[in-house]
Amino acid sequence: MKQKVTGIVLSSSRMGEVDKRVVLLTKEEGKISAFARGALRPKSPISSGTESLCFGDFYVYRGRDSYTVDDLSISNYFKEIKEDLDKLYMGLYFLEVADYFTREGLGARPELELIYRSLLALQKESIPDRLIRRIYELRMLAISGYSPYYDEEKKAFTDDLGIWHISEGTAYTVGQILTLPLKKLYSFTVSEAVLKELETQVDKFFKRNTEKKFMALDAIKI
């Protein structure tokens, strides 16, 4: 039976002469692998919508081990990101991180919304890409169950290794990242001093909670 899922293409690879294999992150089924039959043919109606970063509705059939994409309706190709090499690699990095933290069979509504809103933010000039990256990393960690907590007695954020030695302004920013509704997550910016401190702290925390080398990072300049 055909099923409609809303999601984004995390990755796309060639399978044989005319087919593709795509990995989708969907709010209903989490991460799924699907075959896109004939997607490499020039006139295929699903060709352009089975590339990484494509977001929309996918109509799929479920098989024993994978799905098959029968049709799709793409609402955002993120064209502006694909036209800027630095932003493209940042977007691909976001997809790699999402692929790492999500699982098959588990709905991924918050993860999908975080990706979508992060990519929308990348298209704007009102917030630095450096800040978008750290907001995305920390909030994805929090959604996945890895989050610093605020110690009321010590008046500071802390994790399993101890207190986060950060300024009051950076601590406030961390609190915003962890608690703001996703639709308001990219509604603020920070000073250069706070951003540098945030980068250092989030980078350490993120690396401690991941066991993967993210390929897109090699091409990211920030």
C-alpha atoms as a PDB file:
ATOM      1  CA  MET A   1       0.000   0.000   0.000  1.00  0.00           C
ATOM      2  CA  LYS A   2       1.259   3.456  -0.877  1.00  0.00           C
ATOM      3  CA  GLN A   3       2.163   5.688   2.058  1.00  0.00           C
ATOM      4  CA  LYS A   4       2.832   9.418   2.156  1.00  0.00           C
ATOM      5  CA  VAL A   5       5.714  10.567   4.329  1.00  0.00           C
ATOM      6  CA  THR A   6       7.069  14.065   4.854  1.00  0.00           C
ATOM      7  CA  GLY A   7      10.805  14.335   4.948  1.00  0.00           C
ATOM      8  CA  ILE A   8      14.147  15.353   3.512  1.00  0.00           C
ATOM      9  CA  VAL A   9      16.672  13.480   1.387  1.00  0.00           C
ATOM     10  CA  LEU A  10      19.729  12.853   3.580  1.00  0.00           C
ATOM     11  CA  SER A  11      21.742  11.165   0.846  1.00  0.00           C
ATOM     12  CA  SER A  12      21.396   9.854  -2.689  1.00  0.00           C
ATOM     13  CA  SER A  13      23.533   7.318  -4.534  1.00  0.00           C
ATOM     14  CA  ARG A  14      23.531   5.574  -7.905  1.00  0.00           C
ATOM     15  CA  MET A  15      22.232   2.012  -8.121  1.00  0.00           C
ATOM     16  CA  GLY A  16      22.872   0.410 -11.498  1.00  0.00           C
ATOM     17  CA  GLU A  17      22.284   2.252 -14.744  1.00  0.00           C
ATOM     18  CA  VAL A  18      19.073   4.163 -14.064  1.00  0.00           C
ATOM     19  CA  ASP A  19      18.121   3.744 -10.401  1.00  0.00           C
ATOM     20  CA  LYS A  20      18.988   5.591  -7.194  1.00  0.00           C
ATOM     21  CA  ARG A  21      19.057   4.662  -3.556  1.00  0.00           C
ATOM     22  CA  VAL A  22      18.012   7.458  -1.232  1.00  0.00           C
ATOM     23  CA  VAL A  23      17.974   7.807   2.523  1.00  0.00           C
ATOM     24  CA  LEU A  24      15.063   9.887   3.775  1.00  0.00           C
ATOM     25  CA  LEU A  25      14.492  11.346   7.201  1.00  0.00           C
ATOM     26  CA  THR A  26      10.743  11.426   7.767  1.00  0.00           C
ATOM     27  CA  LYS A  27       8.636  12.686  10.622  1.00  0.00           C
ATOM     28  CA  GLU A  28       6.438   9.584  10.502  1.00  0.00           C
ATOM     29  CA  GLU A  29       8.916   6.703  10.128  1.00  0.00           C
ATOM     30  CA  GLY A  30      12.241   8.231  11.069  1.00  0.00           C
ATOM     31  CA  LYS A  31      15.109   7.304   8.758  1.00  0.00           C
ATOM     32  CA  ILE A  32      14.254   5.034   5.837  1.00  0.00           C
ATOM     33  CA  SER A  33      16.115   3.676   2.815  1.00  0.00           C
ATOM     34  CA  ALA A  34      14.268   3.723  -0.476  1.00  0.00           C
ATOM     35  CA  PHE A  35      14.857   2.845  -4.113  1.00  0.00           C
ATOM     36  CA  ALA A  36      13.968   5.424  -6.731  1.00  0.00           C
ATOM     37  CA  ARG A  37      13.415   3.344  -9.842  1.00  0.00           C
ATOM     38  CA  GLY A  38      14.434   5.054 -13.081  1.00  0.00           C
ATOM     39  CA  ALA A  39      15.417   8.268 -11.277  1.00  0.00           C
ATOM     40  CA  LEU A  40      18.563   8.623 -13.414  1.00  0.00           C
ATOM     41  CA  ARG A  41      16.618   8.735 -16.644  1.00  0.00           C
ATOM     42  CA  PRO A  42      16.621  12.279 -18.122  1.00  0.00           C
ATOM     43  CA  LYS A  43      12.846  12.571 -18.194  1.00  0.00           C
ATOM     44  CA  SER A  44      12.143  10.870 -14.885  1.00  0.00           C
ATOM     45  CA  PRO A  45       9.527  12.811 -12.867  1.00  0.00           C
ATOM     46  CA  ILE A  46      11.328  11.945  -9.613  1.00  0.00           C
ATOM     47  CA  SER A  47      14.887  12.727 -10.733  1.00  0.00           C
ATOM     48  CA  SER A  48      15.365  16.228  -9.297  1.00  0.00           C
ATOM     49  CA  GLY A  49      13.484  15.444  -6.087  1.00  0.00           C
ATOM     50  CA  THR A  50      15.758  12.570  -5.103  1.00  0.00           C
ATOM     51  CA  GLU A  51      18.861  14.685  -4.524  1.00  0.00           C
ATOM     52  CA  SER A  52      20.227  15.600  -1.080  1.00  0.00           C
ATOM     53  CA  LEU A  53      18.515  18.551   0.653  1.00  0.00           C
ATOM     54  CA  CYS A  54      15.184  18.094  -1.156  1.00  0.00           C
ATOM     55  CA  PHE A  55      12.300  18.513   1.307  1.00  0.00           C
ATOM     56  CA  GLY A  56       8.693  17.581   0.736  1.00  0.00           C
ATOM     57  CA  ASP A  57       6.205  14.718   0.559  1.00  0.00           C
ATOM     58  CA  PHE A  58       7.293  11.310  -0.686  1.00  0.00           C
ATOM     59  CA  TYR A  59       4.876   8.587  -1.733  1.00  0.00           C
ATOM     60  CA  VAL A  60       6.459   5.216  -0.993  1.00  0.00           C
ATOM     61  CA  TYR A  61       5.720   1.520  -0.992  1.00  0.00           C
ATOM     62  CA  ARG A  62       7.173  -0.546   1.827  1.00  0.00           C
ATOM     63  CA  GLY A  63       9.003  -3.780   0.977  1.00  0.00           C
ATOM     64  CA  ARG A  64      10.641  -6.375   3.186  1.00  0.00           C
ATOM     65  CA  ASP A  65      13.956  -4.545   3.576  1.00  0.00           C
ATOM     66  CA  SER A  66      13.399  -1.126   2.037  1.00  0.00           C
ATOM     67  CA  TYR A  67      10.947   1.266   0.467  1.00  0.00           C
ATOM     68  CA  THR A  68      10.350   2.285  -3.132  1.00  0.00           C
ATOM     69  CA  VAL A  69       9.649   5.905  -4.068  1.00  0.00           C
ATOM     70  CA  ASP A  70       6.637   5.969  -6.358  1.00  0.00           C
ATOM     71  CA  ASP A  71       6.034   9.714  -6.511  1.00  0.00           C
ATOM     72  CA  LEU A  72       6.996  12.908  -4.729  1.00  0.00           C
ATOM     73  CA  SER A  73       6.066  16.539  -4.233  1.00  0.00           C
ATOM     74  CA  ILE A  74       9.027  18.743  -3.307  1.00  0.00           C
ATOM     75  CA  SER A  75       8.213  21.967  -1.466  1.00  0.00           C
ATOM     76  CA  ASN A  76      11.794  23.222  -1.010  1.00  0.00           C
ATOM     77  CA  TYR A  77      14.921  22.357  -3.000  1.00  0.00           C
ATOM     78  CA  PHE A  78      17.033  24.861  -1.012  1.00  0.00           C
ATOM     79  CA  LYS A  79      18.337  26.266  -4.264  1.00  0.00           C
ATOM     80  CA  GLU A  80      20.075  29.219  -2.596  1.00  0.00           C
ATOM     81  CA  ILE A  81      22.157  26.872  -0.457  1.00  0.00           C
ATOM     82  CA  LYS A  82      23.155  24.742  -3.435  1.00  0.00           C
ATOM     83  CA  GLU A  83      24.387  27.836  -5.288  1.00  0.00           C
ATOM     84  CA  ASP A  84      26.828  28.771  -2.472  1.00  0.00           C
ATOM     85  CA  LEU A  85      29.575  26.183  -1.961  1.00  0.00           C
ATOM     86  CA  ASP A  86      30.266  27.076   1.680  1.00  0.00           C
ATOM     87  CA  LYS A  87      26.586  26.907   2.579  1.00  0.00           C
ATOM     88  CA  LEU A  88      26.158  23.716   0.586  1.00  0.00           C
ATOM     89  CA  TYR A  89      28.815  21.909   2.613  1.00  0.00           C
ATOM     90  CA  MET A  90      27.317  23.254   5.829  1.00  0.00           C
ATOM     91  CA  GLY A  91      23.915  21.940   4.757  1.00  0.00           C
ATOM     92  CA  LEU A  92      25.412  18.559   3.892  1.00  0.00           C
ATOM     93  CA  TYR A  93      27.074  18.510   7.306  1.00  0.00           C
ATOM     94  CA  PHE A  94      23.684  19.054   8.939  1.00  0.00           C
ATOM     95  CA  LEU A  95      22.365  16.066   7.006  1.00  0.00           C
ATOM     96  CA  GLU A  96      25.302  13.898   8.102  1.00  0.00           C
ATOM     97  CA  VAL A  97      24.676  14.806  11.731  1.00  0.00           C
ATOM     98  CA  ALA A  98      20.976  14.014  11.378  1.00  0.00           C
ATOM     99  CA  ASP A  99      21.812  10.676   9.797  1.00  0.00           C
ATOM    100  CA  TYR A 100      24.083   9.871  12.751  1.00  0.00           C
ATOM    101  CA  PHE A 101      21.538  10.677  15.462  1.00  0.00           C
ATOM    102  CA  THR A 102      18.346   9.254  13.953  1.00  0.00           C
ATOM    103  CA  ARG A 103      17.107   5.678  13.657  1.00  0.00           C
ATOM    104  CA  GLU A 104      14.779   3.658  11.485  1.00  0.00           C
ATOM    105  CA  GLY A 105      11.251   3.121  12.754  1.00  0.00           C
ATOM    106  CA  LEU A 106      11.342   6.011  15.222  1.00  0.00           C
ATOM    107  CA  GLY A 107       9.439   9.144  14.254  1.00  0.00           C
ATOM    108  CA  ALA A 108      11.715  12.141  13.790  1.00  0.00           C
ATOM    109  CA  ARG A 109       9.434  15.172  13.915  1.00  0.00           C
ATOM    110  CA  PRO A 110      11.709  17.407  16.079  1.00  0.00           C
ATOM    111  CA  GLU A 111      14.874  16.370  14.238  1.00  0.00           C
ATOM    112  CA  LEU A 112      13.232  17.051  10.876  1.00  0.00           C
ATOM    113  CA  GLU A 113      11.956  20.446  11.977  1.00  0.00           C
ATOM    114  CA  LEU A 114      15.381  21.346  13.355  1.00  0.00           C
ATOM    115  CA  ILE A 115      17.030  20.498  10.043  1.00  0.00           C
ATOM    116  CA  TYR A 116      14.428  22.401   8.052  1.00  0.00           C
ATOM    117  CA  ARG A 117      14.656  25.553  10.154  1.00  0.00           C
ATOM    118  CA  SER A 118      18.451  25.380  10.210  1.00  0.00           C
ATOM    119  CA  LEU A 119      18.569  25.214   6.414  1.00  0.00           C
ATOM    120  CA  LEU A 120      16.151  28.141   6.173  1.00  0.00           C
ATOM    121  CA  ALA A 121      18.459  30.103   8.484  1.00  0.00           C
ATOM    122  CA  LEU A 122      21.437  29.298   6.233  1.00  0.00           C
ATOM    123  CA  GLN A 123      19.647  31.035   3.372  1.00  0.00           C
ATOM    124  CA  LYS A 124      19.446  34.298   5.333  1.00  0.00           C
ATOM    125  CA  GLU A 125      22.155  36.866   5.992  1.00  0.00           C
ATOM    126  CA  SER A 126      20.798  37.965   9.391  1.00  0.00           C
ATOM    127  CA  ILE A 127      22.626  35.319  11.415  1.00  0.00           C
ATOM    128  CA  PRO A 128      26.226  34.085  10.959  1.00  0.00           C
ATOM    129  CA  ASP A 129      26.715  30.565   9.617  1.00  0.00           C
ATOM    130  CA  ARG A 130      29.121  29.930  12.515  1.00  0.00           C
ATOM    131  CA  LEU A 131      26.314  30.550  14.985  1.00  0.00           C
ATOM    132  CA  ILE A 132      23.828  28.461  12.996  1.00  0.00           C
ATOM    133  CA  ARG A 133      26.231  25.519  13.141  1.00  0.00           C
ATOM    134  CA  ARG A 134      26.650  25.633  16.924  1.00  0.00           C
ATOM    135  CA  ILE A 135      22.947  26.137  17.552  1.00  0.00           C
ATOM    136  CA  TYR A 136      22.193  23.157  15.340  1.00  0.00           C
ATOM    137  CA  GLU A 137      24.801  20.913  16.983  1.00  0.00           C
ATOM    138  CA  LEU A 138      23.759  21.679  20.547  1.00  0.00           C
ATOM    139  CA  ARG A 139      20.024  21.425  19.907  1.00  0.00           C
ATOM    140  CA  MET A 140      20.432  18.142  17.993  1.00  0.00           C
ATOM    141  CA  LEU A 141      22.403  16.765  20.936  1.00  0.00           C
ATOM    142  CA  ALA A 142      19.634  17.860  23.298  1.00  0.00           C
ATOM    143  CA  ILE A 143      16.903  16.264  21.170  1.00  0.00           C
ATOM    144  CA  SER A 144      18.949  13.052  21.130  1.00  0.00           C
ATOM    145  CA  GLY A 145      19.287  12.987  24.905  1.00  0.00           C
ATOM    146  CA  TYR A 146      22.704  14.590  25.293  1.00  0.00           C
ATOM    147  CA  SER A 147      22.340  17.913  27.035  1.00  0.00           C
ATOM    148  CA  PRO A 148      24.115  19.941  29.683  1.00  0.00           C
ATOM    149  CA  TYR A 149      21.931  20.775  32.653  1.00  0.00           C
ATOM    150  CA  TYR A 150      21.701  23.891  34.737  1.00  0.00           C
ATOM    151  CA  ASP A 151      22.866  23.464  38.316  1.00  0.00           C
ATOM    152  CA  GLU A 152      20.870  25.928  40.411  1.00  0.00           C
ATOM    153  CA  GLU A 153      23.248  25.647  43.338  1.00  0.00           C
ATOM    154  CA  LYS A 154      26.332  26.381  41.255  1.00  0.00           C
ATOM    155  CA  LYS A 155      24.482  28.763  38.934  1.00  0.00           C
ATOM    156  CA  ALA A 156      26.157  27.194  35.937  1.00  0.00           C
ATOM    157  CA  PHE A 157      25.670  24.646  33.174  1.00  0.00           C
ATOM    158  CA  THR A 158      27.360  21.321  33.806  1.00  0.00           C
ATOM    159  CA  ASP A 159      27.713  17.884  32.271  1.00  0.00           C
ATOM    160  CA  ASP A 160      29.241  14.557  33.293  1.00  0.00           C
ATOM    161  CA  LEU A 161      32.732  16.072  33.243  1.00  0.00           C
ATOM    162  CA  GLY A 162      31.853  19.085  35.356  1.00  0.00           C
ATOM    163  CA  ILE A 163      31.034  22.761  35.116  1.00  0.00           C
ATOM    164  CA  TRP A 164      30.990  24.657  31.840  1.00  0.00           C
ATOM    165  CA  HIS A 165      33.352  27.552  32.482  1.00  0.00           C
ATOM    166  CA  ILE A 166      31.646  30.133  30.308  1.00  0.00           C
ATOM    167  CA  SER A 167      30.606  33.740  30.736  1.00  0.00           C
ATOM    168  CA  GLU A 168      27.145  34.806  31.826  1.00  0.00           C
ATOM    169  CA  GLY A 169      26.306  35.921  28.289  1.00  0.00           C
ATOM    170  CA  THR A 170      27.322  32.585  26.790  1.00  0.00           C
ATOM    171  CA  ALA A 171      25.423  30.697  29.501  1.00  0.00           C
ATOM    172  CA  TYR A 172      22.315  32.694  28.621  1.00  0.00           C
ATOM    173  CA  THR A 173      22.810  31.796  24.958  1.00  0.00           C
ATOM    174  CA  VAL A 174      23.134  28.102  25.810  1.00  0.00           C
ATOM    175  CA  GLY A 175      19.881  28.340  27.753  1.00  0.00           C
ATOM    176  CA  GLN A 176      18.180  29.924  24.746  1.00  0.00           C
ATOM    177  CA  ILE A 177      19.417  27.213  22.403  1.00  0.00           C
ATOM    178  CA  LEU A 178      18.189  24.454  24.695  1.00  0.00           C
ATOM    179  CA  THR A 179      14.753  25.879  25.489  1.00  0.00           C
ATOM    180  CA  LEU A 180      13.465  28.112  22.689  1.00  0.00           C
ATOM    181  CA  PRO A 181      10.702  26.673  20.473  1.00  0.00           C
ATOM    182  CA  LEU A 182      12.242  25.482  17.217  1.00  0.00           C
ATOM    183  CA  LYS A 183      10.399  28.130  15.221  1.00  0.00           C
ATOM    184  CA  LYS A 184      12.206  30.831  17.254  1.00  0.00           C
ATOM    185  CA  LEU A 185      15.589  29.120  17.462  1.00  0.00           C
ATOM    186  CA  TYR A 186      17.246  31.385  14.896  1.00  0.00           C
ATOM    187  CA  SER A 187      15.678  34.641  16.032  1.00  0.00           C
ATOM    188  CA  PHE A 188      18.754  36.037  17.773  1.00  0.00           C
ATOM    189  CA  THR A 189      22.427  36.769  17.260  1.00  0.00           C
ATOM    190  CA  VAL A 190      25.326  37.239  19.677  1.00  0.00           C
ATOM    191  CA  SER A 191      28.538  39.215  20.072  1.00  0.00           C
ATOM    192  CA  GLU A 192      31.792  37.917  18.618  1.00  0.00           C
ATOM    193  CA  ALA A 193      33.107  37.225  22.125  1.00  0.00           C
ATOM    194  CA  VAL A 194      30.096  35.091  23.022  1.00  0.00           C
ATOM    195  CA  LEU A 195      30.209  33.309  19.667  1.00  0.00           C
ATOM    196  CA  LYS A 196      33.875  32.336  20.102  1.00  0.00           C
ATOM    197  CA  GLU A 197      33.215  31.017  23.592  1.00  0.00           C
ATOM    198  CA  LEU A 198      30.137  29.126  22.384  1.00  0.00           C
ATOM    199  CA  GLU A 199      32.124  27.585  19.520  1.00  0.00           C
ATOM    200  CA  THR A 200      34.817  26.313  21.867  1.00  0.00           C
ATOM    201  CA  GLN A 201      32.413  24.834  24.422  1.00  0.00           C
ATOM    202  CA  VAL A 202      29.929  23.276  21.995  1.00  0.00           C
ATOM    203  CA  ASP A 203      32.742  21.842  19.873  1.00  0.00           C
ATOM    204  CA  LYS A 204      34.186  20.002  22.890  1.00  0.00           C
ATOM    205  CA  PHE A 205      30.782  18.770  24.038  1.00  0.00           C
ATOM    206  CA  PHE A 206      29.759  17.651  20.549  1.00  0.00           C
ATOM    207  CA  LYS A 207      32.965  15.694  19.936  1.00  0.00           C
ATOM    208  CA  ARG A 208      32.638  13.922  23.282  1.00  0.00           C
ATOM    209  CA  ASN A 209      29.199  12.658  22.310  1.00  0.00           C
ATOM    210  CA  THR A 210      29.862  11.490  18.760  1.00  0.00           C
ATOM    211  CA  GLU A 211      32.015   8.706  17.363  1.00  0.00           C
ATOM    212  CA  LYS A 212      32.062   9.626  13.698  1.00  0.00           C
ATOM    213  CA  LYS A 213      34.170  11.633  11.295  1.00  0.00           C
ATOM    214  CA  PHE A 214      31.786  13.865   9.369  1.00  0.00           C
ATOM    215  CA  MET A 215      33.068  14.106   5.802  1.00  0.00           C
ATOM    216  CA  ALA A 216      31.523  17.509   5.014  1.00  0.00           C
ATOM    217  CA  LEU A 217      33.552  19.107   7.807  1.00  0.00           C
ATOM    218  CA  ASP A 218      36.691  18.747   5.679  1.00  0.00           C
ATOM    219  CA  ALA A 219      35.252  21.301   3.267  1.00  0.00           C
ATOM    220  CA  ILE A 220      33.793  23.707   5.843  1.00  0.00           C
ATOM    221  CA  LYS A 221      35.987  26.736   6.457  1.00  0.00           C
ATOM    222  CA  ILE A 222      34.497  27.684   9.818  1.00  0.00           C
END
